[in-house]
Amino acid sequence: MTPTLTLRIAELELDAAVLRHRLLHIPLALQEDCGLWASHRTIGRQALTLFRAVRQETRDSGDEDECDQALCRIEAAYQLVHDAIQSLSVLALADLPTRH
């Protein structure tokens, strides 16, 4: 795999970890103002772009093992953010006040 592609995957992993931290530590009411949901969409696009780039490179080089490892890293980074959003939604729904 090219060093540039490896660097882009590492950057995605870092971005995902930072976004996860921000999602779990910034109050829900302030998250839209902070652009967190836009960041989530950006990470999703980056992950998809990297999946495609890794698959293309695999077709060119034929190194399936390295490809699988790279795809697992990309998926794990995206899953980190997804799990944070899922946890946040569970907490938000659990704390909803009831109206009578």
C-alpha atoms as a PDB file:
ATOM      1  CA  MET A   1       0.000   0.000   0.000  1.00  0.00           C
ATOM      2  CA  THR A   2       1.282   3.470  -0.778  1.00  0.00           C
ATOM      3  CA  PRO A   3       2.536   5.632   2.098  1.00  0.00           C
ATOM      4  CA  THR A   4      -0.017   8.300   1.161  1.00  0.00           C
ATOM      5  CA  LEU A   5      -2.911   5.884   1.490  1.00  0.00           C
ATOM      6  CA  THR A   6      -1.553   4.582   4.799  1.00  0.00           C
ATOM      7  CA  LEU A   7      -1.307   8.165   6.056  1.00  0.00           C
ATOM      8  CA  ARG A   8      -4.877   8.924   4.973  1.00  0.00           C
ATOM      9  CA  ILE A   9      -6.140   5.892   6.898  1.00  0.00           C
ATOM     10  CA  ALA A  10      -4.212   7.009   9.999  1.00  0.00           C
ATOM     11  CA  GLU A  11      -5.742  10.491   9.654  1.00  0.00           C
ATOM     12  CA  LEU A  12      -9.223   8.944   9.416  1.00  0.00           C
ATOM     13  CA  GLU A  13      -8.567   6.956  12.577  1.00  0.00           C
ATOM     14  CA  LEU A  14      -7.472  10.100  14.410  1.00  0.00           C
ATOM     15  CA  ASP A  15     -10.422  12.138  13.102  1.00  0.00           C
ATOM     16  CA  ALA A  16     -12.815   9.383  14.194  1.00  0.00           C
ATOM     17  CA  ALA A  17     -11.313   9.238  17.692  1.00  0.00           C
ATOM     18  CA  VAL A  18     -11.553  13.016  18.068  1.00  0.00           C
ATOM     19  CA  LEU A  19     -15.137  13.075  16.795  1.00  0.00           C
ATOM     20  CA  ARG A  20     -16.106  10.241  19.139  1.00  0.00           C
ATOM     21  CA  HIS A  21     -14.653  12.144  22.076  1.00  0.00           C
ATOM     22  CA  ARG A  22     -16.482  15.328  21.088  1.00  0.00           C
ATOM     23  CA  LEU A  23     -19.780  13.505  20.563  1.00  0.00           C
ATOM     24  CA  LEU A  24     -19.609  11.973  24.014  1.00  0.00           C
ATOM     25  CA  HIS A  25     -18.445  15.131  25.832  1.00  0.00           C
ATOM     26  CA  ILE A  26     -20.297  18.040  24.206  1.00  0.00           C
ATOM     27  CA  PRO A  27     -23.902  18.494  25.347  1.00  0.00           C
ATOM     28  CA  LEU A  28     -26.491  17.523  22.747  1.00  0.00           C
ATOM     29  CA  ALA A  29     -27.916  21.029  22.595  1.00  0.00           C
ATOM     30  CA  LEU A  30     -24.552  22.417  21.482  1.00  0.00           C
ATOM     31  CA  GLN A  31     -23.536  19.734  19.016  1.00  0.00           C
ATOM     32  CA  GLU A  32     -25.183  21.296  15.968  1.00  0.00           C
ATOM     33  CA  ASP A  33     -23.488  24.624  16.709  1.00  0.00           C
ATOM     34  CA  CYS A  34     -20.143  22.827  16.909  1.00  0.00           C
ATOM     35  CA  GLY A  35     -20.639  21.164  13.524  1.00  0.00           C
ATOM     36  CA  LEU A  36     -20.392  17.635  14.874  1.00  0.00           C
ATOM     37  CA  TRP A  37     -23.020  16.208  12.548  1.00  0.00           C
ATOM     38  CA  ALA A  38     -21.273  17.748   9.554  1.00  0.00           C
ATOM     39  CA  SER A  39     -18.059  16.135  10.835  1.00  0.00           C
ATOM     40  CA  HIS A  40     -19.836  12.776  10.946  1.00  0.00           C
ATOM     41  CA  ARG A  41     -20.897  13.110   7.317  1.00  0.00           C
ATOM     42  CA  THR A  42     -17.339  14.099   6.380  1.00  0.00           C
ATOM     43  CA  ILE A  43     -15.890  11.040   8.108  1.00  0.00           C
ATOM     44  CA  GLY A  44     -18.409   8.840   6.310  1.00  0.00           C
ATOM     45  CA  ARG A  45     -17.366  10.282   2.960  1.00  0.00           C
ATOM     46  CA  GLN A  46     -13.673   9.912   3.813  1.00  0.00           C
ATOM     47  CA  ALA A  47     -14.185   6.282   4.806  1.00  0.00           C
ATOM     48  CA  LEU A  48     -16.028   5.529   1.570  1.00  0.00           C
ATOM     49  CA  THR A  49     -13.329   7.243  -0.495  1.00  0.00           C
ATOM     50  CA  LEU A  50     -10.630   5.266   1.303  1.00  0.00           C
ATOM     51  CA  PHE A  51     -12.497   1.971   0.798  1.00  0.00           C
ATOM     52  CA  ARG A  52     -12.564   2.680  -2.919  1.00  0.00           C
ATOM     53  CA  ALA A  53      -8.902   3.728  -3.027  1.00  0.00           C
ATOM     54  CA  VAL A  54      -7.784   0.610  -1.155  1.00  0.00           C
ATOM     55  CA  ARG A  55      -9.835  -1.667  -3.417  1.00  0.00           C
ATOM     56  CA  GLN A  56      -8.405   0.041  -6.519  1.00  0.00           C
ATOM     57  CA  GLU A  57      -4.884  -0.322  -5.233  1.00  0.00           C
ATOM     58  CA  THR A  58      -5.516  -3.997  -4.477  1.00  0.00           C
ATOM     59  CA  ARG A  59      -6.631  -4.576  -8.044  1.00  0.00           C
ATOM     60  CA  ASP A  60      -3.397  -2.990  -9.187  1.00  0.00           C
ATOM     61  CA  SER A  61      -1.021  -4.697  -6.730  1.00  0.00           C
ATOM     62  CA  GLY A  62      -2.827  -7.936  -5.870  1.00  0.00           C
ATOM     63  CA  ASP A  63      -1.910  -7.786  -2.151  1.00  0.00           C
ATOM     64  CA  GLU A  64      -5.155  -9.065  -0.610  1.00  0.00           C
ATOM     65  CA  ASP A  65      -3.811  -9.432   2.964  1.00  0.00           C
ATOM     66  CA  GLU A  66      -2.686  -5.827   3.171  1.00  0.00           C
ATOM     67  CA  CYS A  67      -5.986  -4.760   1.636  1.00  0.00           C
ATOM     68  CA  ASP A  68      -7.990  -6.665   4.246  1.00  0.00           C
ATOM     69  CA  GLN A  69      -6.003  -5.049   7.059  1.00  0.00           C
ATOM     70  CA  ALA A  70      -6.538  -1.574   5.603  1.00  0.00           C
ATOM     71  CA  LEU A  71     -10.257  -2.155   5.116  1.00  0.00           C
ATOM     72  CA  CYS A  72     -10.552  -3.379   8.725  1.00  0.00           C
ATOM     73  CA  ARG A  73      -8.845  -0.203   9.970  1.00  0.00           C
ATOM     74  CA  ILE A  74     -11.212   1.980   7.954  1.00  0.00           C
ATOM     75  CA  GLU A  75     -14.254   0.064   9.153  1.00  0.00           C
ATOM     76  CA  ALA A  76     -13.091   0.192  12.785  1.00  0.00           C
ATOM     77  CA  ALA A  77     -12.611   3.967  12.594  1.00  0.00           C
ATOM     78  CA  TYR A  78     -16.088   4.486  11.202  1.00  0.00           C
ATOM     79  CA  GLN A  79     -17.574   2.010  13.695  1.00  0.00           C
ATOM     80  CA  LEU A  80     -16.016   3.995  16.548  1.00  0.00           C
ATOM     81  CA  VAL A  81     -18.048   7.050  15.539  1.00  0.00           C
ATOM     82  CA  HIS A  82     -21.155   5.014  14.836  1.00  0.00           C
ATOM     83  CA  ASP A  83     -21.004   3.409  18.302  1.00  0.00           C
ATOM     84  CA  ALA A  84     -20.638   6.825  19.940  1.00  0.00           C
ATOM     85  CA  ILE A  85     -23.722   8.092  18.107  1.00  0.00           C
ATOM     86  CA  GLN A  86     -25.651   4.974  19.081  1.00  0.00           C
ATOM     87  CA  SER A  87     -24.663   5.387  22.740  1.00  0.00           C
ATOM     88  CA  LEU A  88     -25.628   9.032  22.611  1.00  0.00           C
ATOM     89  CA  SER A  89     -29.035   8.237  21.151  1.00  0.00           C
ATOM     90  CA  VAL A  90     -29.711   5.625  23.837  1.00  0.00           C
ATOM     91  CA  LEU A  91     -28.837   8.148  26.539  1.00  0.00           C
ATOM     92  CA  ALA A  92     -30.907  10.874  24.931  1.00  0.00           C
ATOM     93  CA  LEU A  93     -33.958   8.663  24.601  1.00  0.00           C
ATOM     94  CA  ALA A  94     -33.617   7.374  28.154  1.00  0.00           C
ATOM     95  CA  ASP A  95     -33.573  10.911  29.584  1.00  0.00           C
ATOM     96  CA  LEU A  96     -36.578  12.253  27.736  1.00  0.00           C
ATOM     97  CA  PRO A  97     -39.056  13.794  30.148  1.00  0.00           C
ATOM     98  CA  THR A  98     -42.622  12.559  29.891  1.00  0.00           C
ATOM     99  CA  ARG A  99     -45.514  14.955  29.453  1.00  0.00           C
ATOM    100  CA  HIS A 100     -48.874  14.297  31.030  1.00  0.00           C
END
